PDB file of all heavy atoms in Angstrom:
ATOM      1  N   SER A   1      -8.099   2.039 -13.119  1.00  0.00           N
ATOM      2  CA  SER A   1      -9.281   1.120 -13.216  1.00  0.00           C
ATOM      3  C   SER A   1      -9.937   0.784 -11.817  1.00  0.00           C
ATOM      4  O   SER A   1     -10.970   0.156 -11.768  1.00  0.00           O
ATOM      5  CB  SER A   1      -8.965  -0.108 -14.015  1.00  0.00           C
ATOM      6  OG  SER A   1      -8.097  -0.918 -13.313  1.00  0.00           O
ATOM      7  N   VAL A   2      -9.235   1.097 -10.837  1.00  0.00           N
ATOM      8  CA  VAL A   2      -9.798   0.663  -9.431  1.00  0.00           C
ATOM      9  C   VAL A   2      -9.986   1.914  -8.577  1.00  0.00           C
ATOM     10  O   VAL A   2      -9.345   2.972  -8.798  1.00  0.00           O
ATOM     11  CB  VAL A   2      -8.808  -0.425  -8.717  1.00  0.00           C
ATOM     12  CG1 VAL A   2      -8.799  -1.625  -9.526  1.00  0.00           C
ATOM     13  CG2 VAL A   2      -7.507   0.300  -8.420  1.00  0.00           C
ATOM     14  N   ARG A   3     -10.964   1.836  -7.682  1.00  0.00           N
ATOM     15  CA  ARG A   3     -11.304   2.917  -6.805  1.00  0.00           C
ATOM     16  C   ARG A   3     -10.620   2.855  -5.518  1.00  0.00           C
ATOM     17  O   ARG A   3     -10.515   3.922  -4.779  1.00  0.00           O
ATOM     18  CB  ARG A   3     -12.808   2.968  -6.605  1.00  0.00           C
ATOM     19  CG  ARG A   3     -13.600   3.243  -7.916  1.00  0.00           C
ATOM     20  CD  ARG A   3     -15.038   3.218  -7.722  1.00  0.00           C
ATOM     21  NE  ARG A   3     -15.508   3.970  -6.587  1.00  0.00           N
ATOM     22  CZ  ARG A   3     -16.646   3.921  -5.992  1.00  0.00           C
ATOM     23  NH1 ARG A   3     -17.592   2.962  -6.583  1.00  0.00           N
ATOM     24  NH2 ARG A   3     -17.045   4.519  -4.961  1.00  0.00           N
ATOM     25  N   GLY A   4     -10.117   1.806  -5.107  1.00  0.00           N
ATOM     26  CA  GLY A   4      -9.452   1.637  -3.837  1.00  0.00           C
ATOM     27  C   GLY A   4      -8.327   0.553  -3.799  1.00  0.00           C
ATOM     28  O   GLY A   4      -8.473  -0.472  -4.587  1.00  0.00           O
ATOM     29  N   TYR A   5      -7.314   0.677  -3.044  1.00  0.00           N
ATOM     30  CA  TYR A   5      -6.273  -0.228  -2.833  1.00  0.00           C
ATOM     31  C   TYR A   5      -5.972  -0.326  -1.410  1.00  0.00           C
ATOM     32  O   TYR A   5      -5.825   0.681  -0.724  1.00  0.00           O
ATOM     33  CB  TYR A   5      -5.089   0.241  -3.638  1.00  0.00           C
ATOM     34  CG  TYR A   5      -3.791  -0.513  -3.426  1.00  0.00           C
ATOM     35  CD1 TYR A   5      -3.508  -1.605  -4.155  1.00  0.00           C
ATOM     36  CD2 TYR A   5      -2.824  -0.080  -2.544  1.00  0.00           C
ATOM     37  CE1 TYR A   5      -2.349  -2.365  -3.870  1.00  0.00           C
ATOM     38  CE2 TYR A   5      -1.710  -0.760  -2.195  1.00  0.00           C
ATOM     39  CZ  TYR A   5      -1.489  -1.947  -2.915  1.00  0.00           C
ATOM     40  OH  TYR A   5      -0.289  -2.636  -2.686  1.00  0.00           O
ATOM     41  N   ARG A   6      -5.835  -1.491  -0.836  1.00  0.00           N
ATOM     42  CA  ARG A   6      -5.518  -1.689   0.582  1.00  0.00           C
ATOM     43  C   ARG A   6      -4.382  -2.679   0.774  1.00  0.00           C
ATOM     44  O   ARG A   6      -4.362  -3.820   0.098  1.00  0.00           O
ATOM     45  CB  ARG A   6      -6.673  -2.230   1.275  1.00  0.00           C
ATOM     46  CG  ARG A   6      -6.330  -2.454   2.746  1.00  0.00           C
ATOM     47  CD  ARG A   6      -7.601  -3.144   3.457  1.00  0.00           C
ATOM     48  NE  ARG A   6      -7.215  -3.643   4.920  1.00  0.00           N
ATOM     49  CZ  ARG A   6      -8.034  -3.988   5.674  1.00  0.00           C
ATOM     50  NH1 ARG A   6      -9.230  -4.053   5.360  1.00  0.00           N
ATOM     51  NH2 ARG A   6      -7.480  -4.404   6.814  1.00  0.00           N
ATOM     52  N   ALA A   7      -3.370  -2.333   1.484  1.00  0.00           N
ATOM     53  CA  ALA A   7      -2.284  -3.281   1.768  1.00  0.00           C
ATOM     54  C   ALA A   7      -2.043  -3.200   3.333  1.00  0.00           C
ATOM     55  O   ALA A   7      -1.964  -2.174   3.918  1.00  0.00           O
ATOM     56  CB  ALA A   7      -1.069  -2.824   1.024  1.00  0.00           C
ATOM     57  N   GLU A   8      -2.033  -4.503   3.782  1.00  0.00           N
ATOM     58  CA  GLU A   8      -1.832  -4.452   5.287  1.00  0.00           C
ATOM     59  C   GLU A   8      -0.659  -5.434   5.628  1.00  0.00           C
ATOM     60  O   GLU A   8      -0.565  -6.563   5.092  1.00  0.00           O
ATOM     61  CB  GLU A   8      -3.170  -5.190   5.947  1.00  0.00           C
ATOM     62  CG  GLU A   8      -3.064  -5.060   7.423  1.00  0.00           C
ATOM     63  CD  GLU A   8      -4.479  -5.459   7.984  1.00  0.00           C
ATOM     64  OE1 GLU A   8      -5.446  -5.338   7.350  1.00  0.00           O
ATOM     65  OE2 GLU A   8      -4.418  -5.790   9.192  1.00  0.00           O
ATOM     66  N   THR A   9       0.230  -4.982   6.442  1.00  0.00           N
ATOM     67  CA  THR A   9       1.340  -5.656   6.964  1.00  0.00           C
ATOM     68  C   THR A   9       2.274  -6.163   5.825  1.00  0.00           C
ATOM     69  O   THR A   9       2.670  -7.386   5.989  1.00  0.00           O
ATOM     70  CB  THR A   9       0.998  -6.749   8.052  1.00  0.00           C
ATOM     71  OG1 THR A   9       0.139  -7.757   7.345  1.00  0.00           O
ATOM     72  CG2 THR A   9       0.258  -6.162   9.118  1.00  0.00           C
ATOM     73  N   VAL A  10       2.487  -5.543   4.815  1.00  0.00           N
ATOM     74  CA  VAL A  10       3.190  -5.933   3.697  1.00  0.00           C
ATOM     75  C   VAL A  10       4.433  -5.089   3.381  1.00  0.00           C
ATOM     76  O   VAL A  10       5.413  -5.469   3.111  1.00  0.00           O
ATOM     77  CB  VAL A  10       2.426  -6.377   2.490  1.00  0.00           C
ATOM     78  CG1 VAL A  10       1.951  -5.061   1.902  1.00  0.00           C
ATOM     79  CG2 VAL A  10       3.206  -7.103   1.445  1.00  0.00           C
ATOM     80  N   PHE A  11       4.181  -3.796   3.377  1.00  0.00           N
ATOM     81  CA  PHE A  11       5.331  -2.810   2.982  1.00  0.00           C
ATOM     82  C   PHE A  11       6.544  -2.863   3.687  1.00  0.00           C
ATOM     83  O   PHE A  11       7.613  -2.565   3.176  1.00  0.00           O
ATOM     84  CB  PHE A  11       4.724  -1.455   2.939  1.00  0.00           C
ATOM     85  CG  PHE A  11       3.834  -1.211   1.575  1.00  0.00           C
ATOM     86  CD1 PHE A  11       2.586  -1.629   1.549  1.00  0.00           C
ATOM     87  CD2 PHE A  11       4.391  -0.519   0.552  1.00  0.00           C
ATOM     88  CE1 PHE A  11       1.885  -1.373   0.368  1.00  0.00           C
ATOM     89  CE2 PHE A  11       3.718  -0.226  -0.559  1.00  0.00           C
ATOM     90  CZ  PHE A  11       2.409  -0.715  -0.680  1.00  0.00           C
ATOM     91  N   HIS A  12       6.490  -3.248   4.935  1.00  0.00           N
ATOM     92  CA  HIS A  12       7.754  -3.271   5.796  1.00  0.00           C
ATOM     93  C   HIS A  12       8.611  -4.527   5.376  1.00  0.00           C
ATOM     94  O   HIS A  12       9.828  -4.484   5.670  1.00  0.00           O
ATOM     95  CB  HIS A  12       7.398  -3.348   7.217  1.00  0.00           C
ATOM     96  CG  HIS A  12       6.737  -4.615   7.652  1.00  0.00           C
ATOM     97  ND1 HIS A  12       5.417  -4.895   7.404  1.00  0.00           N
ATOM     98  CD2 HIS A  12       7.145  -5.668   8.338  1.00  0.00           C
ATOM     99  CE1 HIS A  12       5.179  -6.040   7.850  1.00  0.00           C
ATOM    100  NE2 HIS A  12       6.190  -6.651   8.486  1.00  0.00           N
ATOM    101  N   VAL A  13       8.151  -5.360   4.668  1.00  0.00           N
ATOM    102  CA  VAL A  13       8.957  -6.553   4.258  1.00  0.00           C
ATOM    103  C   VAL A  13       9.377  -6.510   2.829  1.00  0.00           C
ATOM    104  O   VAL A  13      10.218  -7.295   2.378  1.00  0.00           O
ATOM    105  CB  VAL A  13       8.156  -7.856   4.487  1.00  0.00           C
ATOM    106  CG1 VAL A  13       7.975  -8.092   5.922  1.00  0.00           C
ATOM    107  CG2 VAL A  13       6.972  -8.047   3.683  1.00  0.00           C
ATOM    108  N   LEU A  14       8.879  -5.466   1.958  1.00  0.00           N
ATOM    109  CA  LEU A  14       9.262  -5.433   0.622  1.00  0.00           C
ATOM    110  C   LEU A  14      10.601  -4.744   0.536  1.00  0.00           C
ATOM    111  O   LEU A  14      10.940  -3.821   1.254  1.00  0.00           O
ATOM    112  CB  LEU A  14       8.267  -4.535  -0.193  1.00  0.00           C
ATOM    113  CG  LEU A  14       6.908  -5.043  -0.168  1.00  0.00           C
ATOM    114  CD1 LEU A  14       6.021  -4.073  -0.903  1.00  0.00           C
ATOM    115  CD2 LEU A  14       6.779  -6.363  -0.940  1.00  0.00           C
ATOM    116  N   GLN A  15      11.418  -5.235  -0.437  1.00  0.00           N
ATOM    117  CA  GLN A  15      12.757  -4.536  -0.649  1.00  0.00           C
ATOM    118  C   GLN A  15      12.609  -3.286  -1.349  1.00  0.00           C
ATOM    119  O   GLN A  15      13.481  -2.433  -1.192  1.00  0.00           O
ATOM    120  CB  GLN A  15      13.596  -5.506  -1.480  1.00  0.00           C
ATOM    121  CG  GLN A  15      14.030  -6.697  -0.778  1.00  0.00           C
ATOM    122  CD  GLN A  15      15.251  -7.360  -1.275  1.00  0.00           C
ATOM    123  OE1 GLN A  15      15.919  -6.972  -2.047  1.00  0.00           O
ATOM    124  NE2 GLN A  15      15.497  -8.648  -0.673  1.00  0.00           N
ATOM    125  N   GLU A  16      11.627  -3.053  -2.236  1.00  0.00           N
ATOM    126  CA  GLU A  16      11.390  -1.745  -2.876  1.00  0.00           C
ATOM    127  C   GLU A  16       9.948  -1.338  -2.732  1.00  0.00           C
ATOM    128  O   GLU A  16       9.123  -1.414  -3.704  1.00  0.00           O
ATOM    129  CB  GLU A  16      11.842  -1.957  -4.358  1.00  0.00           C
ATOM    130  CG  GLU A  16      13.155  -2.287  -4.574  1.00  0.00           C
ATOM    131  CD  GLU A  16      13.515  -2.443  -6.100  1.00  0.00           C
ATOM    132  OE1 GLU A  16      13.583  -1.518  -6.742  1.00  0.00           O
ATOM    133  OE2 GLU A  16      13.607  -3.643  -6.552  1.00  0.00           O
ATOM    134  N   PRO A  17       9.562  -0.972  -1.557  1.00  0.00           N
ATOM    135  CA  PRO A  17       8.173  -0.516  -1.328  1.00  0.00           C
ATOM    136  C   PRO A  17       7.686   0.614  -2.141  1.00  0.00           C
ATOM    137  O   PRO A  17       6.525   0.649  -2.538  1.00  0.00           O
ATOM    138  CB  PRO A  17       8.083  -0.122   0.128  1.00  0.00           C
ATOM    139  CG  PRO A  17       9.495   0.178   0.561  1.00  0.00           C
ATOM    140  CD  PRO A  17      10.420  -0.721  -0.329  1.00  0.00           C
ATOM    141  N   GLU A  18       8.668   1.481  -2.704  1.00  0.00           N
ATOM    142  CA  GLU A  18       8.215   2.567  -3.531  1.00  0.00           C
ATOM    143  C   GLU A  18       7.750   2.073  -4.972  1.00  0.00           C
ATOM    144  O   GLU A  18       6.748   2.710  -5.497  1.00  0.00           O
ATOM    145  CB  GLU A  18       9.350   3.500  -3.747  1.00  0.00           C
ATOM    146  CG  GLU A  18      10.581   2.962  -4.429  1.00  0.00           C
ATOM    147  CD  GLU A  18      11.534   2.192  -3.560  1.00  0.00           C
ATOM    148  OE1 GLU A  18      11.358   1.980  -2.403  1.00  0.00           O
ATOM    149  OE2 GLU A  18      12.524   1.726  -4.144  1.00  0.00           O
ATOM    150  N   ARG A  19       8.102   0.923  -5.322  1.00  0.00           N
ATOM    151  CA  ARG A  19       7.667   0.312  -6.526  1.00  0.00           C
ATOM    152  C   ARG A  19       6.108  -0.190  -6.369  1.00  0.00           C
ATOM    153  O   ARG A  19       5.359   0.043  -7.229  1.00  0.00           O
ATOM    154  CB  ARG A  19       8.457  -0.931  -7.055  1.00  0.00           C
ATOM    155  CG  ARG A  19       9.835  -0.360  -7.667  1.00  0.00           C
ATOM    156  CD  ARG A  19      10.676  -1.488  -8.149  1.00  0.00           C
ATOM    157  NE  ARG A  19      10.024  -2.252  -9.155  1.00  0.00           N
ATOM    158  CZ  ARG A  19      10.238  -3.337  -9.725  1.00  0.00           C
ATOM    159  NH1 ARG A  19      11.125  -4.167  -9.039  1.00  0.00           N
ATOM    160  NH2 ARG A  19       9.626  -3.813 -10.670  1.00  0.00           N
ATOM    161  N   ALA A  20       5.864  -0.719  -5.250  1.00  0.00           N
ATOM    162  CA  ALA A  20       4.483  -1.210  -4.921  1.00  0.00           C
ATOM    163  C   ALA A  20       3.552   0.069  -4.896  1.00  0.00           C
ATOM    164  O   ALA A  20       2.430   0.022  -5.349  1.00  0.00           O
ATOM    165  CB  ALA A  20       4.437  -1.939  -3.671  1.00  0.00           C
ATOM    166  N   VAL A  21       3.955   1.099  -4.253  1.00  0.00           N
ATOM    167  CA  VAL A  21       3.201   2.382  -4.221  1.00  0.00           C
ATOM    168  C   VAL A  21       2.941   2.866  -5.569  1.00  0.00           C
ATOM    169  O   VAL A  21       1.788   3.299  -5.918  1.00  0.00           O
ATOM    170  CB  VAL A  21       3.848   3.406  -3.219  1.00  0.00           C
ATOM    171  CG1 VAL A  21       3.005   4.673  -3.262  1.00  0.00           C
ATOM    172  CG2 VAL A  21       3.829   2.870  -1.713  1.00  0.00           C
ATOM    173  N   ALA A  22       3.958   2.913  -6.382  1.00  0.00           N
ATOM    174  CA  ALA A  22       3.874   3.398  -7.678  1.00  0.00           C
ATOM    175  C   ALA A  22       2.845   2.590  -8.565  1.00  0.00           C
ATOM    176  O   ALA A  22       2.042   3.144  -9.346  1.00  0.00           O
ATOM    177  CB  ALA A  22       5.228   3.448  -8.401  1.00  0.00           C
ATOM    178  N   GLU A  23       2.964   1.440  -8.367  1.00  0.00           N
ATOM    179  CA  GLU A  23       1.930   0.402  -9.088  1.00  0.00           C
ATOM    180  C   GLU A  23       0.451   0.687  -8.514  1.00  0.00           C
ATOM    181  O   GLU A  23      -0.456   0.757  -9.309  1.00  0.00           O
ATOM    182  CB  GLU A  23       2.416  -1.052  -8.831  1.00  0.00           C
ATOM    183  CG  GLU A  23       1.416  -1.982  -9.614  1.00  0.00           C
ATOM    184  CD  GLU A  23       1.523  -1.901 -11.186  1.00  0.00           C
ATOM    185  OE1 GLU A  23       2.209  -0.906 -11.706  1.00  0.00           O
ATOM    186  OE2 GLU A  23       0.766  -2.704 -11.792  1.00  0.00           O
ATOM    187  N   ALA A  24       0.383   0.892  -7.219  1.00  0.00           N
ATOM    188  CA  ALA A  24      -0.945   1.130  -6.692  1.00  0.00           C
ATOM    189  C   ALA A  24      -1.445   2.424  -7.219  1.00  0.00           C
ATOM    190  O   ALA A  24      -2.786   2.487  -7.584  1.00  0.00           O
ATOM    191  CB  ALA A  24      -0.874   1.277  -5.143  1.00  0.00           C
ATOM    192  N   ARG A  25      -0.633   3.355  -7.327  1.00  0.00           N
ATOM    193  CA  ARG A  25      -1.077   4.747  -7.833  1.00  0.00           C
ATOM    194  C   ARG A  25      -1.465   4.596  -9.368  1.00  0.00           C
ATOM    195  O   ARG A  25      -2.332   5.240  -9.820  1.00  0.00           O
ATOM    196  CB  ARG A  25       0.021   5.724  -7.693  1.00  0.00           C
ATOM    197  CG  ARG A  25       0.170   6.123  -6.301  1.00  0.00           C
ATOM    198  CD  ARG A  25       1.205   7.328  -6.133  1.00  0.00           C
ATOM    199  NE  ARG A  25       0.527   8.482  -6.683  1.00  0.00           N
ATOM    200  CZ  ARG A  25       1.285   9.606  -7.203  1.00  0.00           C
ATOM    201  NH1 ARG A  25       2.537   9.561  -7.056  1.00  0.00           N
ATOM    202  NH2 ARG A  25       0.555  10.566  -7.633  1.00  0.00           N
ATOM    203  N   ARG A  26      -0.688   3.735 -10.111  1.00  0.00           N
ATOM    204  CA  ARG A  26      -1.069   3.540 -11.514  1.00  0.00           C
ATOM    205  C   ARG A  26      -2.472   3.029 -11.780  1.00  0.00           C
ATOM    206  O   ARG A  26      -3.130   3.509 -12.680  1.00  0.00           O
ATOM    207  CB  ARG A  26      -0.014   2.619 -12.110  1.00  0.00           C
ATOM    208  CG  ARG A  26      -0.265   2.318 -13.600  1.00  0.00           C
ATOM    209  CD  ARG A  26       0.557   1.233 -14.091  1.00  0.00           C
ATOM    210  NE  ARG A  26       0.162  -0.052 -13.636  1.00  0.00           N
ATOM    211  CZ  ARG A  26      -0.840  -0.856 -14.195  1.00  0.00           C
ATOM    212  NH1 ARG A  26      -1.603  -0.311 -15.136  1.00  0.00           N
ATOM    213  NH2 ARG A  26      -1.150  -1.897 -13.609  1.00  0.00           N
ATOM    214  N   ILE A  27      -2.858   2.107 -10.871  1.00  0.00           N
ATOM    215  CA  ILE A  27      -4.116   1.448 -11.186  1.00  0.00           C
ATOM    216  C   ILE A  27      -5.209   2.241 -10.590  1.00  0.00           C
ATOM    217  O   ILE A  27      -6.484   2.015 -10.901  1.00  0.00           O
ATOM    218  CB  ILE A  27      -4.161  -0.043 -10.608  1.00  0.00           C
ATOM    219  CG1 ILE A  27      -3.989  -0.056  -9.181  1.00  0.00           C
ATOM    220  CG2 ILE A  27      -3.148  -0.875 -11.342  1.00  0.00           C
ATOM    221  CD1 ILE A  27      -4.259  -1.395  -8.492  1.00  0.00           C
ATOM    222  N   LEU A  28      -5.043   3.208  -9.703  1.00  0.00           N
ATOM    223  CA  LEU A  28      -6.157   4.035  -9.070  1.00  0.00           C
ATOM    224  C   LEU A  28      -6.649   4.893 -10.065  1.00  0.00           C
ATOM    225  O   LEU A  28      -6.034   5.592 -10.756  1.00  0.00           O
ATOM    226  CB  LEU A  28      -5.543   4.765  -7.929  1.00  0.00           C
ATOM    227  CG  LEU A  28      -5.435   3.978  -6.569  1.00  0.00           C
ATOM    228  CD1 LEU A  28      -4.879   4.864  -5.542  1.00  0.00           C
ATOM    229  CD2 LEU A  28      -6.779   3.459  -6.070  1.00  0.00           C
ATOM    230  N   CYS A  29      -8.071   5.179 -10.025  1.00  0.00           N
ATOM    231  CA  CYS A  29      -8.689   6.073 -10.705  1.00  0.00           C
ATOM    232  C   CYS A  29      -8.536   7.477 -10.061  1.00  0.00           C
ATOM    233  O   CYS A  29      -8.130   7.538  -8.930  1.00  0.00           O
ATOM    234  CB  CYS A  29     -10.188   5.751 -10.860  1.00  0.00           C
ATOM    235  SG  CYS A  29     -11.101   5.893  -9.300  1.00  0.00           S
ATOM    236  N   PRO A  30      -8.781   8.580 -10.650  1.00  0.00           N
ATOM    237  CA  PRO A  30      -8.723   9.840 -10.106  1.00  0.00           C
ATOM    238  C   PRO A  30      -9.596   9.927  -8.868  1.00  0.00           C
ATOM    239  O   PRO A  30     -10.770   9.578  -8.911  1.00  0.00           O
ATOM    240  CB  PRO A  30      -9.201  10.841 -11.182  1.00  0.00           C
ATOM    241  CG  PRO A  30      -8.789  10.055 -12.465  1.00  0.00           C
ATOM    242  CD  PRO A  30      -9.005   8.601 -12.203  1.00  0.00           C
ATOM    243  N   GLY A  31      -9.074  10.389  -7.781  1.00  0.00           N
ATOM    244  CA  GLY A  31      -9.865  10.350  -6.625  1.00  0.00           C
ATOM    245  C   GLY A  31      -9.919   9.055  -5.759  1.00  0.00           C
ATOM    246  O   GLY A  31     -10.470   9.033  -4.673  1.00  0.00           O
ATOM    247  N   GLY A  32      -9.241   8.091  -6.355  1.00  0.00           N
ATOM    248  CA  GLY A  32      -9.076   6.724  -5.621  1.00  0.00           C
ATOM    249  C   GLY A  32      -8.319   6.884  -4.347  1.00  0.00           C
ATOM    250  O   GLY A  32      -7.559   7.793  -4.066  1.00  0.00           O
ATOM    251  N   ARG A  33      -8.447   5.803  -3.548  1.00  0.00           N
ATOM    252  CA  ARG A  33      -7.734   5.900  -2.193  1.00  0.00           C
ATOM    253  C   ARG A  33      -6.920   4.786  -1.974  1.00  0.00           C
ATOM    254  O   ARG A  33      -7.237   3.566  -2.327  1.00  0.00           O
ATOM    255  CB  ARG A  33      -8.837   5.895  -1.051  1.00  0.00           C
ATOM    256  CG  ARG A  33      -9.690   7.163  -1.047  1.00  0.00           C
ATOM    257  CD  ARG A  33     -10.626   7.192   0.010  1.00  0.00           C
ATOM    258  NE  ARG A  33     -11.484   8.332  -0.108  1.00  0.00           N
ATOM    259  CZ  ARG A  33     -11.819   9.112   0.976  1.00  0.00           C
ATOM    260  NH1 ARG A  33     -11.340   8.764   2.031  1.00  0.00           N
ATOM    261  NH2 ARG A  33     -12.521  10.176   0.777  1.00  0.00           N
ATOM    262  N   ILE A  34      -5.873   4.904  -1.265  1.00  0.00           N
ATOM    263  CA  ILE A  34      -4.815   3.867  -0.898  1.00  0.00           C
ATOM    264  C   ILE A  34      -4.917   3.902   0.584  1.00  0.00           C
ATOM    265  O   ILE A  34      -4.753   4.879   1.240  1.00  0.00           O
ATOM    266  CB  ILE A  34      -3.368   4.266  -1.396  1.00  0.00           C
ATOM    267  CG1 ILE A  34      -3.286   4.223  -2.878  1.00  0.00           C
ATOM    268  CG2 ILE A  34      -2.432   3.234  -0.818  1.00  0.00           C
ATOM    269  CD1 ILE A  34      -1.941   4.606  -3.398  1.00  0.00           C
ATOM    270  N   VAL A  35      -5.064   2.711   1.130  1.00  0.00           N
ATOM    271  CA  VAL A  35      -4.974   2.525   2.590  1.00  0.00           C
ATOM    272  C   VAL A  35      -3.859   1.577   2.856  1.00  0.00           C
ATOM    273  O   VAL A  35      -3.852   0.394   2.276  1.00  0.00           O
ATOM    274  CB  VAL A  35      -6.246   1.982   3.153  1.00  0.00           C
ATOM    275  CG1 VAL A  35      -6.222   1.675   4.620  1.00  0.00           C
ATOM    276  CG2 VAL A  35      -7.447   2.830   2.764  1.00  0.00           C
ATOM    277  N   LEU A  36      -2.840   2.014   3.635  1.00  0.00           N
ATOM    278  CA  LEU A  36      -1.698   1.157   4.065  1.00  0.00           C
ATOM    279  C   LEU A  36      -1.812   1.102   5.537  1.00  0.00           C
ATOM    280  O   LEU A  36      -1.977   1.991   6.249  1.00  0.00           O
ATOM    281  CB  LEU A  36      -0.390   1.880   3.680  1.00  0.00           C
ATOM    282  CG  LEU A  36      -0.204   2.344   2.205  1.00  0.00           C
ATOM    283  CD1 LEU A  36       1.100   2.992   2.087  1.00  0.00           C
ATOM    284  CD2 LEU A  36      -0.327   1.059   1.403  1.00  0.00           C
ATOM    285  N   ALA A  37      -1.732  -0.124   5.986  1.00  0.00           N
ATOM    286  CA  ALA A  37      -1.785  -0.461   7.489  1.00  0.00           C
ATOM    287  C   ALA A  37      -0.591  -1.391   7.751  1.00  0.00           C
ATOM    288  O   ALA A  37      -0.255  -2.227   6.996  1.00  0.00           O
ATOM    289  CB  ALA A  37      -3.159  -1.106   7.938  1.00  0.00           C
ATOM    290  N   GLY A  38      -0.163  -1.188   8.983  1.00  0.00           N
ATOM    291  CA  GLY A  38       0.915  -1.987   9.513  1.00  0.00           C
ATOM    292  C   GLY A  38       0.898  -2.118  10.999  1.00  0.00           C
ATOM    293  O   GLY A  38       0.100  -1.395  11.618  1.00  0.00           O
ATOM    294  N   ARG A  39       1.715  -3.059  11.433  1.00  0.00           N
ATOM    295  CA  ARG A  39       1.722  -3.299  12.841  1.00  0.00           C
ATOM    296  C   ARG A  39       3.240  -3.309  13.326  1.00  0.00           C
ATOM    297  O   ARG A  39       4.108  -3.894  12.600  1.00  0.00           O
ATOM    298  CB  ARG A  39       1.061  -4.483  13.287  1.00  0.00           C
ATOM    299  CG  ARG A  39      -0.397  -4.485  13.015  1.00  0.00           C
ATOM    300  CD  ARG A  39      -1.068  -5.689  13.533  1.00  0.00           C
ATOM    301  NE  ARG A  39      -2.416  -5.738  13.180  1.00  0.00           N
ATOM    302  CZ  ARG A  39      -2.889  -6.646  12.504  1.00  0.00           C
ATOM    303  NH1 ARG A  39      -2.297  -7.655  12.104  1.00  0.00           N
ATOM    304  NH2 ARG A  39      -4.183  -6.576  12.164  1.00  0.00           N
ATOM    305  N   ASP A  40       3.542  -2.747  14.437  1.00  0.00           N
ATOM    306  CA  ASP A  40       4.804  -2.917  15.020  1.00  0.00           C
ATOM    307  C   ASP A  40       4.738  -4.040  15.959  1.00  0.00           C
ATOM    308  O   ASP A  40       4.416  -3.969  17.060  1.00  0.00           O
ATOM    309  CB  ASP A  40       5.267  -1.644  15.668  1.00  0.00           C
ATOM    310  CG  ASP A  40       6.665  -1.706  16.321  1.00  0.00           C
ATOM    311  OD1 ASP A  40       7.288  -2.833  16.255  1.00  0.00           O
ATOM    312  OD2 ASP A  40       7.240  -0.762  16.769  1.00  0.00           O
ATOM    313  N   ARG A  41       5.011  -5.220  15.458  1.00  0.00           N
ATOM    314  CA  ARG A  41       4.911  -6.491  16.180  1.00  0.00           C
ATOM    315  C   ARG A  41       5.824  -6.547  17.498  1.00  0.00           C
ATOM    316  O   ARG A  41       5.509  -7.083  18.482  1.00  0.00           O
ATOM    317  CB  ARG A  41       5.007  -7.694  15.430  1.00  0.00           C
ATOM    318  CG  ARG A  41       3.976  -7.775  14.350  1.00  0.00           C
ATOM    319  CD  ARG A  41       3.916  -9.237  13.768  1.00  0.00           C
ATOM    320  NE  ARG A  41       2.917  -9.244  12.631  1.00  0.00           N
ATOM    321  CZ  ARG A  41       1.665  -9.473  12.812  1.00  0.00           C
ATOM    322  NH1 ARG A  41       1.078  -9.767  13.889  1.00  0.00           N
ATOM    323  NH2 ARG A  41       0.857  -9.505  11.678  1.00  0.00           N
ATOM    324  N   ASP A  42       6.939  -5.817  17.315  1.00  0.00           N
ATOM    325  CA  ASP A  42       7.834  -5.781  18.465  1.00  0.00           C
ATOM    326  C   ASP A  42       7.249  -4.961  19.692  1.00  0.00           C
ATOM    327  O   ASP A  42       7.576  -5.222  20.880  1.00  0.00           O
ATOM    328  CB  ASP A  42       9.196  -5.179  18.030  1.00  0.00           C
ATOM    329  CG  ASP A  42       9.944  -6.095  17.131  1.00  0.00           C
ATOM    330  OD1 ASP A  42       9.696  -7.393  17.205  1.00  0.00           O
ATOM    331  OD2 ASP A  42      10.727  -5.709  16.261  1.00  0.00           O
ATOM    332  N   ALA A  43       6.489  -4.003  19.331  1.00  0.00           N
ATOM    333  CA  ALA A  43       5.953  -3.113  20.474  1.00  0.00           C
ATOM    334  C   ALA A  43       4.618  -3.685  20.913  1.00  0.00           C
ATOM    335  O   ALA A  43       4.062  -3.296  21.970  1.00  0.00           O
ATOM    336  CB  ALA A  43       5.574  -1.724  19.851  1.00  0.00           C
ATOM    337  N   SER A  44       4.095  -4.709  20.286  1.00  0.00           N
ATOM    338  CA  SER A  44       2.801  -5.374  20.793  1.00  0.00           C
ATOM    339  C   SER A  44       2.980  -6.268  21.976  1.00  0.00           C
ATOM    340  O   SER A  44       3.870  -6.864  22.065  1.00  0.00           O
ATOM    341  CB  SER A  44       2.102  -6.108  19.651  1.00  0.00           C
ATOM    342  OG  SER A  44       1.814  -5.210  18.595  1.00  0.00           O
TER     343      SER A  44
END
């Protein structure tokens, strides 16, 4: 039902990030896009 999904600075703290990705894929329509962004705060 959705055309896009964005998650920023969250996947690195999840215990089971693969479940979050699977859920994002479930709600995406065909051709939908997932954008994942993160930061390496230790390197900043």
